[in-house]
Amino acid sequence: MDIRYSHSNEVDADKLRQLFLSVDWESGKHPEELHQAILNSHSVVTAWHGDKLVGLVNALSDGVMTAYFHYMLVRPDYQNQGIGKELMTEILGKYREYKTKVLISYAEAESFYRSLGFRAEKGAVPLYISELV
């Protein structure tokens, strides 16, 4: 399969909405805000099959020491083909010199992120205030 990767946050709002809804993420129900969030990201890497957006990872960062990877998703019909690993490899490369790289993983994806070098921080607990319900 011919997957093309792009380092650009210029992504059509409807393509973003379709991608996020394909994995049942609430963000997809707020297309304007989601589009602004991606535009305002420090970095974005996208995966494309033709003109179809099939995956995305974004980073929020202070630009010097810390990068937080907020979204990482791949359409279900494109999963288990190495796309997520390539997206993470691309974005981790950009932040290679940063002291801290952070993400919050759902339990079903924990082994994937561990395979990329992420580990739980002793004593750390993820906390949320979320209006997306």
C-alpha atoms as a PDB file:
ATOM      1  CA  MET A   1       0.000   0.000   0.000  1.00  0.00           C
ATOM      2  CA  ASP A   2       1.338   3.420  -0.940  1.00  0.00           C
ATOM      3  CA  ILE A   3       1.135   5.630   2.174  1.00  0.00           C
ATOM      4  CA  ARG A   4       2.520   9.163   1.977  1.00  0.00           C
ATOM      5  CA  TYR A   5       3.537  11.091   5.108  1.00  0.00           C
ATOM      6  CA  SER A   6       3.330  14.859   5.434  1.00  0.00           C
ATOM      7  CA  HIS A   7       4.683  17.284   8.044  1.00  0.00           C
ATOM      8  CA  SER A   8       1.969  19.920   7.786  1.00  0.00           C
ATOM      9  CA  ASN A   9      -0.909  21.095   9.939  1.00  0.00           C
ATOM     10  CA  GLU A  10      -2.807  22.276   6.838  1.00  0.00           C
ATOM     11  CA  VAL A  11      -5.525  19.605   6.810  1.00  0.00           C
ATOM     12  CA  ASP A  12      -9.082  20.023   5.579  1.00  0.00           C
ATOM     13  CA  ALA A  13     -11.529  20.198   8.502  1.00  0.00           C
ATOM     14  CA  ASP A  14     -13.874  17.596   6.999  1.00  0.00           C
ATOM     15  CA  LYS A  15     -11.029  15.112   6.460  1.00  0.00           C
ATOM     16  CA  LEU A  16     -10.051  15.592  10.115  1.00  0.00           C
ATOM     17  CA  ARG A  17     -13.641  15.065  11.209  1.00  0.00           C
ATOM     18  CA  GLN A  18     -13.902  11.847   9.181  1.00  0.00           C
ATOM     19  CA  LEU A  19     -10.633  10.493  10.604  1.00  0.00           C
ATOM     20  CA  PHE A  20     -11.575  11.218  14.218  1.00  0.00           C
ATOM     21  CA  LEU A  21     -15.082   9.816  13.833  1.00  0.00           C
ATOM     22  CA  SER A  22     -13.654   6.644  12.251  1.00  0.00           C
ATOM     23  CA  VAL A  23     -12.175   5.787  15.679  1.00  0.00           C
ATOM     24  CA  ASP A  24     -15.198   7.147  17.606  1.00  0.00           C
ATOM     25  CA  TRP A  25     -13.315  10.048  19.199  1.00  0.00           C
ATOM     26  CA  GLU A  26     -15.505  12.829  20.572  1.00  0.00           C
ATOM     27  CA  SER A  27     -13.233  15.489  19.038  1.00  0.00           C
ATOM     28  CA  GLY A  28     -14.680  14.576  15.639  1.00  0.00           C
ATOM     29  CA  LYS A  29     -18.061  15.919  16.785  1.00  0.00           C
ATOM     30  CA  HIS A  30     -16.493  19.389  17.121  1.00  0.00           C
ATOM     31  CA  PRO A  31     -14.984  19.912  13.645  1.00  0.00           C
ATOM     32  CA  GLU A  32     -14.268  23.656  13.853  1.00  0.00           C
ATOM     33  CA  GLU A  33     -12.526  23.389  17.224  1.00  0.00           C
ATOM     34  CA  LEU A  34     -10.663  20.267  16.107  1.00  0.00           C
ATOM     35  CA  HIS A  35      -9.451  22.038  12.971  1.00  0.00           C
ATOM     36  CA  GLN A  36      -8.213  24.996  15.065  1.00  0.00           C
ATOM     37  CA  ALA A  37      -6.501  22.608  17.495  1.00  0.00           C
ATOM     38  CA  ILE A  38      -4.571  20.982  14.654  1.00  0.00           C
ATOM     39  CA  LEU A  39      -3.699  24.346  13.103  1.00  0.00           C
ATOM     40  CA  ASN A  40      -2.385  25.527  16.491  1.00  0.00           C
ATOM     41  CA  SER A  41      -0.301  22.400  17.132  1.00  0.00           C
ATOM     42  CA  HIS A  42       3.472  22.756  17.363  1.00  0.00           C
ATOM     43  CA  SER A  43       3.878  19.851  14.904  1.00  0.00           C
ATOM     44  CA  VAL A  44       1.617  17.546  12.933  1.00  0.00           C
ATOM     45  CA  VAL A  45       2.447  14.462  10.891  1.00  0.00           C
ATOM     46  CA  THR A  46      -0.276  12.989   8.699  1.00  0.00           C
ATOM     47  CA  ALA A  47      -0.562   9.744   6.741  1.00  0.00           C
ATOM     48  CA  TRP A  48      -2.352   9.713   3.387  1.00  0.00           C
ATOM     49  CA  HIS A  49      -3.571   6.972   1.062  1.00  0.00           C
ATOM     50  CA  GLY A  50      -4.205   8.958  -2.083  1.00  0.00           C
ATOM     51  CA  ASP A  51      -6.313  11.903  -0.925  1.00  0.00           C
ATOM     52  CA  LYS A  52      -7.704  10.013   2.080  1.00  0.00           C
ATOM     53  CA  LEU A  53      -6.397  11.026   5.512  1.00  0.00           C
ATOM     54  CA  VAL A  54      -5.671   7.712   7.237  1.00  0.00           C
ATOM     55  CA  GLY A  55      -3.602   8.749  10.253  1.00  0.00           C
ATOM     56  CA  LEU A  56      -2.364  11.687  12.297  1.00  0.00           C
ATOM     57  CA  VAL A  57      -0.141  12.533  15.246  1.00  0.00           C
ATOM     58  CA  ASN A  58       0.299  15.988  16.741  1.00  0.00           C
ATOM     59  CA  ALA A  59       2.573  17.581  19.308  1.00  0.00           C
ATOM     60  CA  LEU A  60       2.092  20.456  21.700  1.00  0.00           C
ATOM     61  CA  SER A  61       5.379  21.861  22.926  1.00  0.00           C
ATOM     62  CA  ASP A  62       7.255  24.633  24.694  1.00  0.00           C
ATOM     63  CA  GLY A  63       9.637  24.503  21.728  1.00  0.00           C
ATOM     64  CA  VAL A  64      12.700  23.699  23.822  1.00  0.00           C
ATOM     65  CA  MET A  65      12.402  20.994  26.476  1.00  0.00           C
ATOM     66  CA  THR A  66       9.030  19.269  26.478  1.00  0.00           C
ATOM     67  CA  ALA A  67       6.755  17.825  23.815  1.00  0.00           C
ATOM     68  CA  TYR A  68       3.344  16.377  24.555  1.00  0.00           C
ATOM     69  CA  PHE A  69       1.831  14.050  21.966  1.00  0.00           C
ATOM     70  CA  HIS A  70      -1.880  14.608  22.231  1.00  0.00           C
ATOM     71  CA  TYR A  71      -3.517  12.895  19.256  1.00  0.00           C
ATOM     72  CA  MET A  72      -2.271   9.733  17.547  1.00  0.00           C
ATOM     73  CA  LEU A  73      -4.807   7.849  15.519  1.00  0.00           C
ATOM     74  CA  VAL A  74      -5.075   5.614  12.467  1.00  0.00           C
ATOM     75  CA  ARG A  75      -8.298   4.638  10.697  1.00  0.00           C
ATOM     76  CA  PRO A  76      -9.357   1.145  11.822  1.00  0.00           C
ATOM     77  CA  ASP A  77      -9.125  -0.320   8.303  1.00  0.00           C
ATOM     78  CA  TYR A  78      -5.488   0.894   8.096  1.00  0.00           C
ATOM     79  CA  GLN A  79      -4.335  -0.270  11.533  1.00  0.00           C
ATOM     80  CA  ASN A  80      -1.700  -2.979  12.053  1.00  0.00           C
ATOM     81  CA  GLN A  81       0.133  -1.981   8.878  1.00  0.00           C
ATOM     82  CA  GLY A  82       2.951   0.053  10.472  1.00  0.00           C
ATOM     83  CA  ILE A  83       1.317   3.455   9.901  1.00  0.00           C
ATOM     84  CA  GLY A  84       1.074   4.355  13.588  1.00  0.00           C
ATOM     85  CA  LYS A  85       4.677   3.306  14.159  1.00  0.00           C
ATOM     86  CA  GLU A  86       5.846   5.437  11.224  1.00  0.00           C
ATOM     87  CA  LEU A  87       3.829   8.453  12.436  1.00  0.00           C
ATOM     88  CA  MET A  88       5.390   8.153  15.896  1.00  0.00           C
ATOM     89  CA  THR A  89       8.876   7.593  14.469  1.00  0.00           C
ATOM     90  CA  GLU A  90       8.541  10.745  12.361  1.00  0.00           C
ATOM     91  CA  ILE A  91       7.346  12.959  15.209  1.00  0.00           C
ATOM     92  CA  LEU A  92       9.751  11.517  17.782  1.00  0.00           C
ATOM     93  CA  GLY A  93      12.576  12.300  15.372  1.00  0.00           C
ATOM     94  CA  LYS A  94      11.618  15.952  15.431  1.00  0.00           C
ATOM     95  CA  TYR A  95      11.775  16.024  19.242  1.00  0.00           C
ATOM     96  CA  ARG A  96      14.784  13.734  19.647  1.00  0.00           C
ATOM     97  CA  GLU A  97      16.803  16.333  21.600  1.00  0.00           C
ATOM     98  CA  TYR A  98      13.974  17.316  23.955  1.00  0.00           C
ATOM     99  CA  LYS A  99      14.398  16.268  27.589  1.00  0.00           C
ATOM    100  CA  THR A 100      10.805  15.161  28.119  1.00  0.00           C
ATOM    101  CA  LYS A 101       8.323  13.539  25.751  1.00  0.00           C
ATOM    102  CA  VAL A 102       4.868  12.849  27.182  1.00  0.00           C
ATOM    103  CA  LEU A 103       1.714  11.069  26.098  1.00  0.00           C
ATOM    104  CA  ILE A 104      -1.259   9.524  27.803  1.00  0.00           C
ATOM    105  CA  SER A 105      -2.109   6.091  26.467  1.00  0.00           C
ATOM    106  CA  TYR A 106      -5.305   4.152  26.733  1.00  0.00           C
ATOM    107  CA  ALA A 107      -4.745   0.635  28.078  1.00  0.00           C
ATOM    108  CA  GLU A 108      -5.278  -1.069  24.703  1.00  0.00           C
ATOM    109  CA  ALA A 109      -2.394   0.923  23.158  1.00  0.00           C
ATOM    110  CA  GLU A 110       0.040   0.776  26.076  1.00  0.00           C
ATOM    111  CA  SER A 111       2.217  -2.026  24.643  1.00  0.00           C
ATOM    112  CA  PHE A 112       2.496  -0.128  21.332  1.00  0.00           C
ATOM    113  CA  TYR A 113       3.877   2.973  23.073  1.00  0.00           C
ATOM    114  CA  ARG A 114       6.133   0.908  25.321  1.00  0.00           C
ATOM    115  CA  SER A 115       7.635  -0.621  22.163  1.00  0.00           C
ATOM    116  CA  LEU A 116       8.609   2.938  21.134  1.00  0.00           C
ATOM    117  CA  GLY A 117      10.405   3.593  24.432  1.00  0.00           C
ATOM    118  CA  PHE A 118       7.689   5.248  26.535  1.00  0.00           C
ATOM    119  CA  ARG A 119       7.492   4.236  30.197  1.00  0.00           C
ATOM    120  CA  ALA A 120       5.228   5.115  33.100  1.00  0.00           C
ATOM    121  CA  GLU A 121       6.738   7.777  35.344  1.00  0.00           C
ATOM    122  CA  LYS A 122       6.954   6.596  38.946  1.00  0.00           C
ATOM    123  CA  GLY A 123       4.420   8.455  41.026  1.00  0.00           C
ATOM    124  CA  ALA A 124       2.751  10.140  38.029  1.00  0.00           C
ATOM    125  CA  VAL A 125      -0.989   9.914  37.568  1.00  0.00           C
ATOM    126  CA  PRO A 126      -2.805  11.298  34.508  1.00  0.00           C
ATOM    127  CA  LEU A 127      -5.516  13.760  35.528  1.00  0.00           C
ATOM    128  CA  TYR A 128      -8.184  15.324  33.331  1.00  0.00           C
ATOM    129  CA  ILE A 129     -10.817  17.996  33.175  1.00  0.00           C
ATOM    130  CA  SER A 130     -12.684  17.275  29.961  1.00  0.00           C
ATOM    131  CA  GLU A 131     -15.684  19.002  28.492  1.00  0.00           C
ATOM    132  CA  LEU A 132     -15.931  16.440  25.654  1.00  0.00           C
ATOM    133  CA  VAL A 133     -18.639  14.138  26.960  1.00  0.00           C
END
